[in-house]
Amino acid sequence: MTTSPLETRSKPGAARREGRPGIALTVIAACQLMVVLDATIVNIALPHIQDALSFSTTDLSWVLSAYTLTFGGLLLLGGRAGDILGRRRVFMTGILIFTFASLLGGFAQEPWQLLAARALQGVGGAIASPTSLALITTTFPEGPERNRAFGVFAAVSAGGGAIGLLAGGMLTEWLDWRWVLFVNVPIGVLIAVLTPLYITESERRPGRFDAAGALTSTVGMASLVYGFIRASEEGWRDTLTIGSFAAAVVLLAAFGVIESRAREPITPLRMFADRNRSGTYVIMLSLSAAMFGMFFFIVLFVQNVLAYSPIESGLAFLPVTVAIITGAGLSQRLLPVLGPKPFMVTGAAITGVGLFWQTLISPDSSYVGGVLGPMLLFGFGMGLNFVTLTLTAVSGVAQYEAGAASGLLNASQQVGGSLGLSILVTVFGTASREEAEKQVPAFMADATPQQREQFAATHELPPPWGHDVLTAGISTAFTAAVGMVGVALLTALMVIRVRKSDLEALNGTSAAAGPVGPGV
């Protein structure tokens, strides 16, 4: 039975301009694009943010981690909120929080102000992103129309990283780094205005909020990340370092207890009972840890050592996005023939080779030999895994739990990236300090009086000595990243037992619910 437009408009929460699915999809896709590109659009601006707000290189990683920790930690809670309170209402709330946080971040004058704004952006993104995907299921009828909508959503997610790289470069070079945040404001306001006009509210479902689980997991992971970053600057015996690790242990243990007893846990522990699903989460966490580090350090290298402009930096990263999309497309076509395990193993191995190549980076490395080649291998290997991991995560799961399974995979990507980046930054900080101690005598022998005076004020070595320090730290950090990918490879070889037949019940649209590219 078909509902007439008059009857639809008379329902509470009905869209004021019903019957325009194209505009509704544009609004939903615009939200996903804004959330996805925000990681890469900020990445390109990192060196300029560092200079403007006087971040140390290790503290600079918080500009990324503050966003991804709250985003990943609250992602499942955001999806639950949409089910209980109404998806359109929660969607608009997330957009407005994200927009307000972007405005605050653009006006930041101190590092803590920017980090607070980035954390608040993550809260808004965690509320809006899972709800935007769910709105597709309530806005479009099952069948070809919904499948096309999922396809658009997945394409936006995959292309958002590339768009962010270019947009970040252009905004930073032509205007100012603050515009990588300000640009979200008009887009967010427009989405908030159009949403009630073209998107109908979903029916509410009874349920409970696991706020305690969300809080203990997010704060616990933040404490763990802070401990690693603090250790890179103050050492492992520092009181705050030890206190942060202790707090992380207590909070994460409390999270496990809360989830085991909660009636409606934010993280259903039964999801980890299946070895294939648990292995999938470990692989995603490990690969994301390496991926976030790769993007962070290569941005610093191409701008600080190769002296690329922000636009040139954005263009320099485009090939890795193409490689990811190519690998994802290949795995999606061949999965029914070969099954998922060969792609997990091969993808992790190729990613590891690319990272090993990057350990050879030096001040004399060129873009083609030292950056482009390794990034292409890295991106292609990651692409082989994205769709594969998403489909494996939801295989054998009841339909009503598919969202939780794919949501946990997405959370693994965000949290793994934050944790991995903090570990790699710690390795970088230790290695770069040791290299700086070696370079100081040579610097003092050859430096001009002006250079010595600047070094006394900033404690930072200028080029070319500073380039040696930076690349020594990056090279050592990539060595640790190879170890992270090694964990993913061993897990794929020894834990994963999924077969081709296990995936036959899944359709291609399932991949739209999971991670498809950097920064998602």
Protein backbone atom coordinates (compact mmCIF):
# COMPACT_ATOMS: atom_id res chain seq x y z
CA MET A 1 0.00 0.00 0.00
CA THR A 2 1.43 3.38 -1.03
CA THR A 3 1.19 6.37 1.29
CA SER A 4 -0.02 9.56 -0.39
CA PRO A 5 2.07 12.75 -0.11
CA LEU A 6 -0.73 14.36 1.93
CA GLU A 7 -0.76 11.48 4.42
CA THR A 8 3.04 11.55 4.64
CA ARG A 9 3.15 15.27 5.38
CA SER A 10 0.52 14.85 8.09
CA LYS A 11 2.71 12.46 10.05
CA PRO A 12 4.79 13.90 12.90
CA GLY A 13 8.37 14.44 11.77
CA ALA A 14 7.56 14.17 8.06
CA ALA A 15 9.79 16.07 5.67
CA ARG A 16 8.25 19.38 4.63
CA ARG A 17 9.16 18.73 1.00
CA GLU A 18 8.63 15.01 0.62
CA GLY A 19 9.39 13.11 -2.56
CA ARG A 20 12.80 14.53 -3.50
CA PRO A 21 15.18 11.64 -2.78
CA GLY A 22 17.99 13.19 -4.81
CA ILE A 23 18.19 16.21 -2.51
CA ALA A 24 17.84 14.02 0.58
CA LEU A 25 20.77 11.88 -0.58
CA THR A 26 22.83 15.00 -1.31
CA VAL A 27 22.28 16.22 2.26
CA ILE A 28 23.25 12.85 3.75
CA ALA A 29 26.29 12.49 1.49
CA ALA A 30 27.41 16.07 2.26
CA CYS A 31 27.47 15.23 5.97
CA GLN A 32 29.57 12.10 5.38
CA LEU A 33 31.92 14.02 3.10
CA MET A 34 32.45 16.72 5.72
CA VAL A 35 33.21 14.19 8.45
CA VAL A 36 35.50 12.08 6.25
CA LEU A 37 37.58 14.84 4.70
CA ASP A 38 38.12 16.56 8.04
CA ALA A 39 40.99 14.22 8.92
CA THR A 40 42.94 14.75 5.70
CA ILE A 41 42.08 18.43 5.25
CA VAL A 42 43.69 19.13 8.64
CA ASN A 43 46.62 16.78 7.95
CA ILE A 44 47.96 18.95 5.14
CA ALA A 45 47.80 22.05 7.38
CA LEU A 46 49.75 20.45 10.27
CA PRO A 47 53.12 22.18 9.66
CA HIS A 48 51.38 25.57 9.50
CA ILE A 49 49.38 24.82 12.65
CA GLN A 50 52.64 23.82 14.36
CA ASP A 51 54.29 27.14 13.50
CA ALA A 52 51.24 29.29 14.31
CA LEU A 53 50.43 27.78 17.72
CA SER A 54 53.94 26.62 18.73
CA PHE A 55 53.21 22.88 18.92
CA SER A 56 56.09 20.48 19.40
CA THR A 57 56.20 17.72 16.79
CA THR A 58 55.03 15.12 19.31
CA ASP A 59 52.22 17.30 20.69
CA LEU A 60 51.15 18.05 17.12
CA SER A 61 49.84 14.50 16.84
CA TRP A 62 47.05 15.47 19.26
CA VAL A 63 45.50 17.60 16.52
CA LEU A 64 44.63 14.29 14.84
CA SER A 65 44.19 12.11 17.93
CA ALA A 66 41.83 14.48 19.76
CA TYR A 67 39.41 14.09 16.85
CA THR A 68 39.79 10.38 16.18
CA LEU A 69 39.63 9.34 19.85
CA THR A 70 36.28 10.98 20.54
CA PHE A 71 34.99 10.00 17.11
CA GLY A 72 35.92 6.34 17.49
CA GLY A 73 35.05 6.15 21.18
CA LEU A 74 31.54 7.57 20.78
CA LEU A 75 30.69 6.14 17.36
CA LEU A 76 28.53 3.28 18.63
CA LEU A 77 26.81 5.52 21.16
CA GLY A 78 25.95 7.93 18.33
CA GLY A 79 24.31 5.15 16.35
CA ARG A 80 22.34 4.02 19.41
CA ALA A 81 21.19 7.58 20.05
CA GLY A 82 19.73 7.76 16.55
CA ASP A 83 17.69 4.61 17.12
CA ILE A 84 16.33 5.77 20.49
CA LEU A 85 15.81 9.50 19.96
CA GLY A 86 15.10 9.64 16.22
CA ARG A 87 17.71 9.62 13.50
CA ARG A 88 16.92 12.98 11.91
CA ARG A 89 17.00 14.77 15.26
CA VAL A 90 20.30 13.17 16.26
CA PHE A 91 21.74 13.75 12.78
CA MET A 92 21.03 17.48 13.03
CA THR A 93 22.44 17.63 16.57
CA GLY A 94 25.69 16.03 15.42
CA ILE A 95 25.98 18.41 12.48
CA LEU A 96 25.43 21.48 14.69
CA ILE A 97 28.00 20.30 17.27
CA PHE A 98 30.51 19.60 14.49
CA THR A 99 29.88 23.00 12.92
CA PHE A 100 30.18 24.90 16.22
CA ALA A 101 33.41 23.05 17.07
CA SER A 102 34.86 23.92 13.65
CA LEU A 103 34.13 27.59 14.29
CA LEU A 104 35.82 27.44 17.70
CA GLY A 105 38.85 25.66 16.26
CA GLY A 106 39.28 28.24 13.54
CA PHE A 107 39.51 30.99 16.16
CA ALA A 108 41.93 29.05 18.43
CA GLN A 109 44.83 31.11 19.80
CA GLU A 110 46.37 28.48 22.07
CA PRO A 111 47.12 24.77 21.48
CA TRP A 112 44.63 23.63 24.14
CA GLN A 113 41.85 25.62 22.47
CA LEU A 114 42.41 23.87 19.15
CA LEU A 115 42.63 20.44 20.79
CA ALA A 116 39.39 21.02 22.70
CA ALA A 117 37.67 22.06 19.48
CA ARG A 118 39.01 18.99 17.66
CA ALA A 119 37.72 16.71 20.43
CA LEU A 120 34.31 18.38 20.18
CA GLN A 121 34.40 17.89 16.40
CA GLY A 122 34.89 14.19 17.06
CA VAL A 123 31.82 14.16 19.29
CA GLY A 124 29.74 15.77 16.53
CA GLY A 125 31.13 13.41 13.91
CA ALA A 126 30.41 10.36 16.09
CA ILE A 127 26.79 11.47 16.41
CA ALA A 128 26.23 12.43 12.78
CA SER A 129 28.19 9.81 10.81
CA PRO A 130 26.48 6.53 11.89
CA THR A 131 23.11 8.26 11.78
CA SER A 132 23.69 9.46 8.22
CA LEU A 133 24.22 5.86 7.07
CA ALA A 134 21.12 4.72 8.96
CA LEU A 135 19.05 7.49 7.36
CA ILE A 136 19.65 5.90 3.96
CA THR A 137 17.79 2.78 5.10
CA THR A 138 14.82 4.83 6.30
CA THR A 139 14.76 7.27 3.36
CA PHE A 140 15.17 4.85 0.45
CA PRO A 141 13.11 1.67 -0.16
CA GLU A 142 14.94 -1.65 -0.24
CA GLY A 143 16.13 -2.64 -3.69
CA PRO A 144 17.93 -0.83 -6.53
CA GLU A 145 17.16 2.64 -5.16
CA ARG A 146 18.72 1.91 -1.77
CA ASN A 147 21.65 0.12 -3.39
CA ARG A 148 22.39 3.20 -5.53
CA ALA A 149 22.21 5.38 -2.43
CA PHE A 150 24.67 3.09 -0.62
CA GLY A 151 26.94 3.28 -3.67
CA VAL A 152 26.95 7.08 -3.54
CA PHE A 153 27.63 6.98 0.21
CA ALA A 154 30.57 4.60 -0.26
CA ALA A 155 31.98 6.67 -3.15
CA VAL A 156 31.85 9.83 -1.04
CA SER A 157 33.58 8.03 1.82
CA ALA A 158 36.32 6.77 -0.48
CA GLY A 159 36.80 10.07 -2.31
CA GLY A 160 36.56 12.26 0.78
CA GLY A 161 40.18 11.70 1.68
CA ALA A 162 41.40 12.89 -1.73
CA ILE A 163 39.10 15.91 -1.67
CA GLY A 164 40.38 16.79 1.80
CA LEU A 165 43.99 16.64 0.66
CA LEU A 166 43.39 19.05 -2.21
CA ALA A 167 41.04 21.33 -0.28
CA GLY A 168 43.43 21.47 2.67
CA GLY A 169 46.29 22.45 0.40
CA MET A 170 44.34 25.15 -1.41
CA LEU A 171 42.80 26.67 1.72
CA THR A 172 46.09 26.69 3.62
CA GLU A 173 48.10 28.22 0.76
CA TRP A 174 45.56 30.67 -0.61
CA LEU A 175 43.92 31.75 2.66
CA ASP A 176 45.16 30.44 6.02
CA TRP A 177 45.29 27.17 7.95
CA ARG A 178 42.27 28.32 9.96
CA TRP A 179 40.09 27.94 6.89
CA VAL A 180 40.47 24.15 6.95
CA LEU A 181 38.13 24.47 9.96
CA PHE A 182 36.09 27.52 8.95
CA VAL A 183 35.09 25.82 5.69
CA ASN A 184 32.86 23.42 7.65
CA VAL A 185 30.71 26.23 9.02
CA PRO A 186 28.67 27.23 5.94
CA ILE A 187 28.40 23.60 4.84
CA GLY A 188 27.17 22.49 8.26
CA VAL A 189 24.63 25.31 8.53
CA LEU A 190 23.26 24.48 5.05
CA ILE A 191 22.92 20.78 5.95
CA ALA A 192 21.11 21.65 9.19
CA VAL A 193 18.67 23.91 7.31
CA LEU A 194 17.92 21.41 4.52
CA THR A 195 17.57 18.29 6.71
CA PRO A 196 14.04 18.91 8.08
CA LEU A 197 12.89 19.99 4.61
CA TYR A 198 13.84 16.81 2.76
CA ILE A 199 14.43 14.04 5.32
CA THR A 200 11.67 12.39 7.36
CA GLU A 201 12.19 11.53 11.01
CA SER A 202 12.55 7.83 11.83
CA GLU A 203 10.47 5.98 14.38
CA ARG A 204 11.96 5.84 17.84
CA ARG A 205 12.86 2.49 19.36
CA PRO A 206 12.99 1.81 23.09
CA GLY A 207 16.47 1.27 24.45
CA ARG A 208 19.12 2.30 26.95
CA PHE A 209 22.21 4.47 26.64
CA ASP A 210 25.46 2.88 27.77
CA ALA A 211 26.98 6.25 28.70
CA ALA A 212 29.26 4.68 31.33
CA GLY A 213 30.77 2.32 28.76
CA ALA A 214 31.31 5.11 26.23
CA LEU A 215 32.90 7.39 28.83
CA THR A 216 35.28 4.84 30.37
CA SER A 217 36.44 3.56 26.97
CA THR A 218 37.02 7.02 25.49
CA VAL A 219 38.76 8.51 28.53
CA GLY A 220 40.72 5.30 29.05
CA MET A 221 42.07 5.34 25.50
CA ALA A 222 42.81 9.08 25.76
CA SER A 223 44.83 8.40 28.93
CA LEU A 224 46.75 5.65 27.16
CA VAL A 225 47.53 7.89 24.18
CA TYR A 226 48.54 10.75 26.49
CA GLY A 227 50.86 8.43 28.38
CA PHE A 228 52.77 7.50 25.22
CA ILE A 229 53.04 11.09 23.99
CA ARG A 230 54.07 12.32 27.44
CA ALA A 231 56.74 9.60 27.61
CA SER A 232 58.20 10.79 24.29
CA GLU A 233 58.92 14.21 25.82
CA GLU A 234 59.42 13.63 29.57
CA GLY A 235 60.51 10.00 29.76
CA TRP A 236 58.96 6.82 31.14
CA ARG A 237 59.66 7.68 34.79
CA ASP A 238 57.75 10.96 34.68
CA THR A 239 54.95 11.11 37.27
CA LEU A 240 52.26 12.13 34.76
CA THR A 241 53.38 9.42 32.35
CA ILE A 242 53.01 6.73 35.00
CA GLY A 243 49.74 8.23 36.23
CA SER A 244 48.30 8.27 32.71
CA PHE A 245 49.09 4.61 32.12
CA ALA A 246 47.67 3.69 35.54
CA ALA A 247 44.47 5.62 34.80
CA ALA A 248 44.21 3.89 31.43
CA VAL A 249 44.49 0.44 33.00
CA VAL A 250 41.83 1.23 35.61
CA LEU A 251 39.40 2.84 33.15
CA LEU A 252 39.74 0.18 30.46
CA ALA A 253 39.32 -2.58 33.07
CA ALA A 254 36.21 -0.78 34.32
CA PHE A 255 34.98 -0.61 30.72
CA GLY A 256 35.28 -4.39 30.40
CA VAL A 257 33.33 -4.94 33.62
CA ILE A 258 30.62 -2.46 32.60
CA GLU A 259 30.17 -4.05 29.19
CA SER A 260 29.93 -7.55 30.64
CA ARG A 261 27.09 -6.47 32.94
CA ALA A 262 25.21 -3.88 30.87
CA ARG A 263 21.78 -4.88 29.54
CA GLU A 264 22.43 -3.03 26.29
CA PRO A 265 26.22 -2.55 26.08
CA ILE A 266 27.74 -0.10 23.64
CA THR A 267 30.28 -2.81 22.73
CA PRO A 268 28.62 -6.26 22.73
CA LEU A 269 31.41 -8.53 23.98
CA ARG A 270 29.80 -11.49 22.19
CA MET A 271 31.06 -9.92 18.96
CA PHE A 272 34.56 -11.02 19.96
CA ALA A 273 33.57 -14.66 20.48
CA ASP A 274 34.04 -15.42 16.78
CA ARG A 275 37.73 -15.80 15.90
CA ASN A 276 37.31 -14.38 12.40
CA ARG A 277 35.60 -11.24 13.67
CA SER A 278 38.12 -10.73 16.48
CA GLY A 279 40.96 -11.25 14.03
CA THR A 280 39.39 -8.73 11.68
CA TYR A 281 39.30 -6.10 14.42
CA VAL A 282 42.96 -6.75 15.28
CA ILE A 283 43.99 -6.46 11.64
CA MET A 284 42.10 -3.19 11.18
CA LEU A 285 43.51 -1.75 14.39
CA SER A 286 47.09 -2.66 13.41
CA LEU A 287 46.85 -1.43 9.82
CA SER A 288 45.20 1.83 10.89
CA ALA A 289 47.94 2.42 13.43
CA ALA A 290 50.48 2.31 10.61
CA MET A 291 48.31 4.31 8.20
CA PHE A 292 47.79 7.28 10.53
CA GLY A 293 51.53 7.38 11.21
CA MET A 294 52.41 7.25 7.53
CA PHE A 295 50.20 10.23 6.68
CA PHE A 296 51.40 12.24 9.69
CA PHE A 297 55.13 11.83 9.08
CA ILE A 298 55.12 12.08 5.30
CA VAL A 299 53.25 15.41 5.51
CA LEU A 300 56.06 16.72 7.72
CA PHE A 301 58.71 15.34 5.35
CA VAL A 302 57.36 16.74 2.09
CA GLN A 303 56.73 20.21 3.56
CA ASN A 304 59.73 20.57 5.89
CA VAL A 305 62.41 18.68 3.94
CA LEU A 306 61.26 18.74 0.30
CA ALA A 307 59.86 22.27 0.84
CA TYR A 308 56.55 21.48 -0.87
CA SER A 309 53.79 24.04 -0.64
CA PRO A 310 50.47 22.92 0.89
CA ILE A 311 48.92 22.51 -2.57
CA GLU A 312 51.90 20.50 -3.78
CA SER A 313 51.61 18.36 -0.64
CA GLY A 314 47.95 17.66 -1.36
CA LEU A 315 48.75 16.65 -4.92
CA ALA A 316 51.65 14.50 -3.70
CA PHE A 317 49.23 12.37 -1.67
CA LEU A 318 46.65 11.83 -4.40
CA PRO A 319 48.38 8.71 -5.82
CA VAL A 320 47.95 6.86 -2.51
CA THR A 321 44.20 7.51 -2.64
CA VAL A 322 44.07 6.16 -6.19
CA ALA A 323 46.04 3.10 -5.06
CA ILE A 324 43.61 2.48 -2.18
CA ILE A 325 40.58 2.71 -4.46
CA THR A 326 42.26 0.42 -7.02
CA GLY A 327 43.03 -2.21 -4.40
CA ALA A 328 39.51 -1.99 -2.96
CA GLY A 329 37.94 -2.39 -6.40
CA LEU A 330 40.11 -5.41 -7.22
CA SER A 331 39.30 -7.17 -3.94
CA GLN A 332 35.57 -6.50 -4.32
CA ARG A 333 35.55 -8.15 -7.77
CA LEU A 334 37.63 -11.18 -6.81
CA LEU A 335 36.32 -11.87 -3.29
CA PRO A 336 33.61 -14.29 -4.54
CA VAL A 337 36.31 -16.25 -6.39
CA LEU A 338 39.20 -16.32 -3.94
CA GLY A 339 37.61 -15.64 -0.56
CA PRO A 340 38.83 -13.05 1.96
CA LYS A 341 41.95 -14.60 3.48
CA PRO A 342 44.25 -14.23 0.43
CA PHE A 343 43.45 -10.51 0.30
CA MET A 344 44.12 -10.03 4.02
CA VAL A 345 47.47 -11.80 3.81
CA THR A 346 48.58 -10.26 0.52
CA GLY A 347 47.33 -6.80 1.48
CA ALA A 348 49.17 -6.80 4.81
CA ALA A 349 52.35 -8.11 3.16
CA ILE A 350 52.32 -5.42 0.44
CA THR A 351 51.60 -2.72 3.03
CA GLY A 352 54.56 -3.95 5.08
CA VAL A 353 56.88 -3.81 2.06
CA GLY A 354 55.83 -0.24 1.39
CA LEU A 355 56.53 0.76 4.98
CA PHE A 356 59.89 -1.04 4.99
CA TRP A 357 60.82 0.97 1.90
CA GLN A 358 59.95 4.14 3.82
CA THR A 359 62.41 3.25 6.59
CA LEU A 360 65.15 4.17 4.09
CA ILE A 361 64.01 7.81 3.99
CA SER A 362 66.76 10.43 4.37
CA PRO A 363 67.27 14.16 3.72
CA ASP A 364 68.48 13.22 0.23
CA SER A 365 65.36 11.19 -0.64
CA SER A 366 63.39 12.43 -3.63
CA TYR A 367 59.61 12.40 -3.92
CA VAL A 368 59.57 9.65 -6.57
CA GLY A 369 62.06 7.31 -4.93
CA GLY A 370 61.50 8.04 -1.27
CA VAL A 371 57.78 8.87 -1.10
CA LEU A 372 55.74 7.97 -4.19
CA GLY A 373 56.89 4.37 -4.66
CA PRO A 374 56.40 3.33 -1.02
CA MET A 375 53.05 5.13 -0.80
CA LEU A 376 51.70 3.33 -3.88
CA LEU A 377 52.56 -0.05 -2.39
CA PHE A 378 51.18 0.98 0.97
CA GLY A 379 47.92 2.30 -0.50
CA PHE A 380 47.32 -0.72 -2.73
CA GLY A 381 47.87 -3.11 0.17
CA MET A 382 45.49 -1.14 2.37
CA GLY A 383 42.90 -1.10 -0.42
CA LEU A 384 42.97 -4.89 -0.65
CA ASN A 385 41.94 -5.02 3.00
CA PHE A 386 39.25 -2.36 3.42
CA VAL A 387 36.31 -4.08 1.70
CA THR A 388 37.58 -7.51 2.73
CA LEU A 389 37.70 -6.63 6.42
CA THR A 390 34.28 -4.99 6.33
CA LEU A 391 32.57 -8.00 4.76
CA THR A 392 34.34 -10.42 7.08
CA ALA A 393 33.35 -8.39 10.14
CA VAL A 394 29.64 -8.78 9.34
CA SER A 395 29.74 -12.37 8.04
CA GLY A 396 27.72 -14.77 10.15
CA VAL A 397 26.11 -11.92 12.14
CA ALA A 398 22.36 -11.64 12.57
CA GLN A 399 20.85 -8.82 10.54
CA TYR A 400 19.98 -6.78 13.63
CA GLU A 401 23.63 -6.93 14.81
CA ALA A 402 25.26 -6.07 11.47
CA GLY A 403 25.39 -2.38 12.38
CA ALA A 404 27.16 -3.10 15.66
CA ALA A 405 29.68 -5.40 13.94
CA SER A 406 30.59 -2.88 11.22
CA GLY A 407 30.51 -0.05 13.77
CA LEU A 408 33.07 -1.87 15.90
CA LEU A 409 35.30 -2.22 12.84
CA ASN A 410 35.06 1.51 12.18
CA ALA A 411 35.79 2.24 15.85
CA SER A 412 38.81 -0.08 15.63
CA GLN A 413 40.10 2.02 12.75
CA GLN A 414 39.77 5.32 14.60
CA VAL A 415 41.00 4.13 17.99
CA GLY A 416 43.78 2.05 16.43
CA GLY A 417 44.93 5.05 14.43
CA SER A 418 45.08 7.25 17.53
CA LEU A 419 46.88 4.66 19.64
CA GLY A 420 49.27 3.73 16.84
CA LEU A 421 50.12 7.34 16.09
CA SER A 422 50.90 7.99 19.77
CA ILE A 423 53.25 4.99 19.85
CA LEU A 424 54.98 6.02 16.63
CA VAL A 425 55.31 9.61 17.86
CA THR A 426 56.97 8.25 21.02
CA VAL A 427 59.44 6.28 18.91
CA PHE A 428 59.99 9.35 16.72
CA GLY A 429 60.60 11.60 19.74
CA THR A 430 63.19 9.27 21.25
CA ALA A 431 65.05 8.73 17.96
CA SER A 432 65.04 12.40 16.98
CA ARG A 433 66.39 13.47 20.39
CA GLU A 434 69.24 10.99 20.08
CA GLU A 435 70.02 12.22 16.56
CA ALA A 436 69.89 15.86 17.73
CA GLU A 437 72.52 15.12 20.37
CA LYS A 438 74.77 13.74 17.62
CA GLN A 439 74.18 16.74 15.35
CA VAL A 440 74.78 19.50 17.93
CA PRO A 441 78.63 19.37 17.84
CA ALA A 442 78.65 19.63 14.02
CA PHE A 443 76.11 22.44 14.18
CA MET A 444 78.11 24.42 16.76
CA ALA A 445 81.23 24.07 14.62
CA ASP A 446 79.67 25.29 11.37
CA ALA A 447 76.73 27.52 12.40
CA THR A 448 76.65 31.27 12.07
CA PRO A 449 76.21 33.43 15.20
CA GLN A 450 72.60 34.09 14.20
CA GLN A 451 71.90 30.37 13.92
CA ARG A 452 73.42 29.71 17.32
CA GLU A 453 71.34 32.45 18.85
CA GLN A 454 68.18 31.03 17.31
CA PHE A 455 69.05 27.54 18.54
CA ALA A 456 69.56 28.85 22.08
CA ALA A 457 66.06 30.37 21.98
CA THR A 458 64.15 27.50 20.31
CA HIS A 459 66.32 24.41 20.97
CA GLU A 460 65.56 23.34 17.39
CA LEU A 461 68.32 22.74 14.86
CA PRO A 462 67.91 24.58 11.55
CA PRO A 463 68.46 22.90 8.15
CA PRO A 464 70.43 20.93 7.14
CA TRP A 465 71.04 19.59 10.66
CA GLY A 466 67.34 19.73 11.47
CA HIS A 467 66.53 17.69 8.37
CA ASP A 468 68.86 14.94 9.59
CA VAL A 469 67.08 14.95 12.96
CA LEU A 470 63.60 14.84 11.40
CA THR A 471 64.34 12.04 8.94
CA ALA A 472 66.15 9.95 11.55
CA GLY A 473 63.05 10.11 13.72
CA ILE A 474 60.73 9.34 10.81
CA SER A 475 62.82 6.39 9.64
CA THR A 476 62.80 4.85 13.12
CA ALA A 477 59.07 5.44 13.48
CA PHE A 478 58.44 3.62 10.19
CA THR A 479 60.48 0.70 11.49
CA ALA A 480 58.02 0.43 14.38
CA ALA A 481 55.13 0.74 11.90
CA VAL A 482 56.49 -2.29 10.03
CA GLY A 483 56.13 -4.22 13.28
CA MET A 484 52.49 -3.10 13.58
CA VAL A 485 51.75 -4.38 10.09
CA GLY A 486 53.56 -7.59 11.04
CA VAL A 487 50.92 -8.12 13.75
CA ALA A 488 48.21 -7.76 11.09
CA LEU A 489 49.98 -10.23 8.78
CA LEU A 490 50.43 -12.84 11.52
CA THR A 491 46.78 -12.46 12.55
CA ALA A 492 45.63 -12.95 8.95
CA LEU A 493 47.80 -16.05 8.60
CA MET A 494 47.09 -17.73 11.93
CA VAL A 495 43.66 -16.55 13.12
CA ILE A 496 41.44 -15.98 10.09
CA ARG A 497 39.54 -19.09 8.97
CA VAL A 498 36.65 -17.54 7.05
CA ARG A 499 35.63 -19.25 3.80
CA LYS A 500 34.10 -18.02 0.56
CA SER A 501 30.79 -19.61 1.47
CA ASP A 502 30.61 -17.53 4.65
CA LEU A 503 30.30 -14.38 2.55
CA GLU A 504 27.70 -15.61 0.07
CA ALA A 505 24.78 -14.27 2.11
CA LEU A 506 26.21 -10.75 2.10
CA ASN A 507 25.57 -8.25 -0.67
CA GLY A 508 27.92 -5.57 -1.88
CA THR A 509 26.17 -2.82 0.03
CA SER A 510 27.48 -4.08 3.34
CA ALA A 511 30.81 -2.53 2.56
CA ALA A 512 29.28 0.90 2.65
CA ALA A 513 28.85 0.61 6.37
CA GLY A 514 32.51 0.18 7.10
CA PRO A 515 35.81 1.94 6.57
CA VAL A 516 36.80 2.57 2.98
CA GLY A 517 39.70 4.95 3.13
CA PRO A 518 42.00 7.12 5.20
CA GLY A 519 40.39 9.28 7.75
CA VAL A 520 37.02 7.58 7.63
